[in-house]
Amino acid sequence: MIKTIALTALAVLVLTAVGCSGGGDDDDDAGSVTPVATSDGTAIATPPPAQPTPSVDIREVDIAAMADVQTVLTANGGTIVQADVVYADVTNDGFDEAIVPVSSGGTLGHLGFFVITPDGDTARILMQEFPTESTGLTVTVVADKIELLQPAPGPDD
């Protein structure tokens, strides 16, 4: 019994050391748990590698200058008003995202929105929403959840 515990502990230490050595391509295994069999047949689950801390502060990103954002704005119209951007951790990963409403530029309100997330030393579009059937959207964040309000025409509209 003591020998089995010692072998299991040794296997865990060796696997931990190998897992932390940085050998191999970790991108294929990100987010998965790999069971490893020990000499006595028990399985030990090794946790996925920790995600790197983004080196970019999402508040410092020039969102309007991002190439992907420009492409979507060209296709859908609208402009970004920096004062309307809301920052919140909507992915629950410990880092804020930018929730970016896209203004119609007039009295119509918002046409849609982006969610921009830090990604290493850059930022990327996590999601975008531009409903074709509605305009005048309001995008808010409540308790780190995005709320999208769409006006509904009344009987006299």
Protein backbone atom coordinates (compact mmCIF):
# COMPACT_ATOMS: atom_id res chain seq x y z
CA MET A 1 0.00 0.00 0.00
CA ILE A 2 2.77 2.48 0.92
CA LYS A 3 4.68 1.49 -2.24
CA THR A 4 1.57 2.19 -4.38
CA ILE A 5 1.10 5.62 -2.78
CA ALA A 6 4.79 6.43 -3.26
CA LEU A 7 4.67 5.36 -6.94
CA THR A 8 1.52 7.40 -7.51
CA ALA A 9 3.09 10.46 -5.86
CA LEU A 10 6.26 10.01 -7.94
CA ALA A 11 4.19 9.69 -11.14
CA VAL A 12 2.34 12.91 -10.30
CA LEU A 13 5.62 14.75 -9.70
CA VAL A 14 7.14 13.48 -12.95
CA LEU A 15 4.02 14.32 -14.95
CA THR A 16 3.84 17.76 -13.39
CA ALA A 17 7.47 18.43 -14.24
CA VAL A 18 6.98 17.22 -17.82
CA GLY A 19 3.77 19.23 -18.19
CA CYS A 20 5.48 22.41 -17.00
CA SER A 21 8.57 21.99 -19.19
CA GLY A 22 6.91 23.73 -22.13
CA GLY A 23 7.69 20.89 -24.51
CA GLY A 24 5.31 20.42 -27.40
CA ASP A 25 2.51 22.49 -28.81
CA ASP A 26 0.06 23.34 -26.00
CA ASP A 27 -2.42 25.10 -28.34
CA ASP A 28 -4.00 21.79 -29.37
CA ASP A 29 -4.61 20.78 -25.75
CA ALA A 30 -5.82 24.09 -24.32
CA GLY A 31 -8.91 23.63 -22.20
CA SER A 32 -8.78 19.83 -22.08
CA VAL A 33 -8.00 17.49 -19.21
CA THR A 34 -5.79 14.55 -20.07
CA PRO A 35 -6.10 11.40 -17.92
CA VAL A 36 -2.77 9.66 -17.32
CA ALA A 37 -2.52 6.05 -16.07
CA THR A 38 -0.08 5.26 -13.28
CA SER A 39 1.72 1.99 -12.67
CA ASP A 40 -1.10 0.72 -10.44
CA GLY A 41 -3.77 1.45 -13.07
CA THR A 42 -5.30 4.53 -11.43
CA ALA A 43 -5.89 7.60 -13.55
CA ILE A 44 -4.70 11.07 -12.68
CA ALA A 45 -6.21 14.04 -14.50
CA THR A 46 -3.75 16.75 -15.45
CA PRO A 47 -5.32 20.22 -15.59
CA PRO A 48 -5.17 22.31 -18.78
CA PRO A 49 -2.37 24.87 -19.04
CA ALA A 50 -3.16 28.29 -17.60
CA GLN A 51 -4.16 30.94 -20.11
CA PRO A 52 -1.54 33.67 -20.50
CA THR A 53 -2.34 37.03 -18.99
CA PRO A 54 -3.12 39.50 -21.78
CA SER A 55 -0.42 42.11 -22.07
CA VAL A 56 -2.80 44.59 -23.67
CA ASP A 57 -5.15 46.74 -21.60
CA ILE A 58 -8.43 46.72 -23.51
CA ARG A 59 -9.01 50.34 -22.44
CA GLU A 60 -5.88 51.37 -24.36
CA VAL A 61 -6.89 49.72 -27.66
CA ASP A 62 -7.88 52.04 -30.52
CA ILE A 63 -10.97 50.01 -31.41
CA ALA A 64 -11.99 52.19 -34.36
CA ALA A 65 -8.57 51.56 -35.96
CA MET A 66 -8.79 47.75 -35.77
CA ALA A 67 -8.86 46.28 -39.32
CA ASP A 68 -11.62 43.77 -38.50
CA VAL A 69 -13.76 46.51 -36.97
CA GLN A 70 -13.25 48.72 -40.04
CA THR A 71 -14.35 45.86 -42.31
CA VAL A 72 -17.58 45.33 -40.35
CA LEU A 73 -18.30 49.07 -40.16
CA THR A 74 -17.84 49.37 -43.92
CA ALA A 75 -20.32 46.52 -44.48
CA ASN A 76 -22.91 47.69 -41.93
CA GLY A 77 -22.40 51.43 -41.66
CA GLY A 78 -22.18 53.41 -38.45
CA THR A 79 -19.43 54.84 -36.30
CA ILE A 80 -17.89 54.14 -32.95
CA VAL A 81 -18.30 56.76 -30.24
CA GLN A 82 -15.62 56.10 -27.62
CA ALA A 83 -17.74 57.64 -24.85
CA ASP A 84 -20.40 54.94 -25.42
CA VAL A 85 -17.98 52.00 -24.89
CA VAL A 86 -18.61 49.97 -21.73
CA TYR A 87 -15.96 47.76 -20.09
CA ALA A 88 -16.94 44.64 -18.18
CA ASP A 89 -15.79 41.05 -17.72
CA VAL A 90 -18.62 39.44 -19.70
CA THR A 91 -16.62 36.25 -20.38
CA ASN A 92 -15.90 35.70 -16.67
CA ASP A 93 -12.17 35.15 -17.34
CA GLY A 94 -10.90 37.85 -14.99
CA PHE A 95 -10.22 40.38 -17.78
CA ASP A 96 -12.51 43.13 -19.02
CA GLU A 97 -13.90 43.16 -22.54
CA ALA A 98 -15.02 46.26 -24.44
CA ILE A 99 -18.70 46.34 -25.34
CA VAL A 100 -18.79 48.74 -28.27
CA PRO A 101 -22.12 50.11 -29.52
CA VAL A 102 -22.08 51.23 -33.16
CA SER A 103 -23.84 54.55 -33.60
CA SER A 104 -25.94 55.42 -36.63
CA GLY A 105 -24.41 58.88 -36.49
CA GLY A 106 -27.83 60.50 -36.19
CA THR A 107 -31.05 60.22 -34.24
CA LEU A 108 -31.58 56.57 -35.16
CA GLY A 109 -29.54 55.29 -32.21
CA HIS A 110 -27.28 52.24 -32.32
CA LEU A 111 -27.17 49.89 -35.30
CA GLY A 112 -25.43 47.05 -33.49
CA PHE A 113 -22.45 46.32 -31.26
CA PHE A 114 -19.10 44.54 -30.95
CA VAL A 115 -17.51 42.76 -28.02
CA ILE A 116 -13.74 43.18 -28.18
CA THR A 117 -11.53 40.99 -25.99
CA PRO A 118 -7.83 41.19 -25.16
CA ASP A 119 -5.88 38.45 -26.91
CA GLY A 120 -2.22 38.26 -25.88
CA ASP A 121 -0.59 41.50 -26.99
CA THR A 122 -3.49 42.52 -29.23
CA ALA A 123 -7.31 42.51 -29.23
CA ARG A 124 -9.88 40.72 -31.36
CA ILE A 125 -13.61 40.76 -32.04
CA LEU A 126 -15.20 38.17 -29.78
CA MET A 127 -18.69 38.71 -31.17
CA GLN A 128 -20.74 41.18 -33.15
CA GLU A 129 -24.44 41.75 -33.53
CA PHE A 130 -26.07 43.89 -36.22
CA PRO A 131 -29.78 42.95 -36.44
CA THR A 132 -31.17 43.81 -39.86
CA GLU A 133 -34.77 44.12 -38.72
CA SER A 134 -34.20 46.65 -35.96
CA THR A 135 -32.47 49.95 -35.36
CA GLY A 136 -32.24 52.21 -32.36
CA LEU A 137 -30.71 49.54 -30.15
CA THR A 138 -29.56 50.15 -26.61
CA VAL A 139 -26.67 48.06 -25.32
CA THR A 140 -26.05 47.90 -21.58
CA VAL A 141 -24.19 45.66 -19.15
CA VAL A 142 -25.91 44.50 -15.98
CA ALA A 143 -24.01 42.22 -13.56
CA ASP A 144 -21.43 41.42 -16.26
CA LYS A 145 -24.17 40.33 -18.70
CA ILE A 146 -24.85 42.14 -21.97
CA GLU A 147 -28.41 43.36 -22.39
CA LEU A 148 -29.61 44.39 -25.82
CA LEU A 149 -32.84 46.36 -25.92
CA GLN A 150 -34.67 46.73 -29.22
CA PRO A 151 -37.57 49.12 -29.68
CA ALA A 152 -40.86 47.56 -30.73
CA PRO A 153 -43.26 49.65 -32.77
CA GLY A 154 -46.58 50.37 -31.13
CA PRO A 155 -49.99 50.36 -32.82
CA ASP A 156 -49.76 54.07 -33.76
CA ASP A 157 -46.16 53.91 -35.10
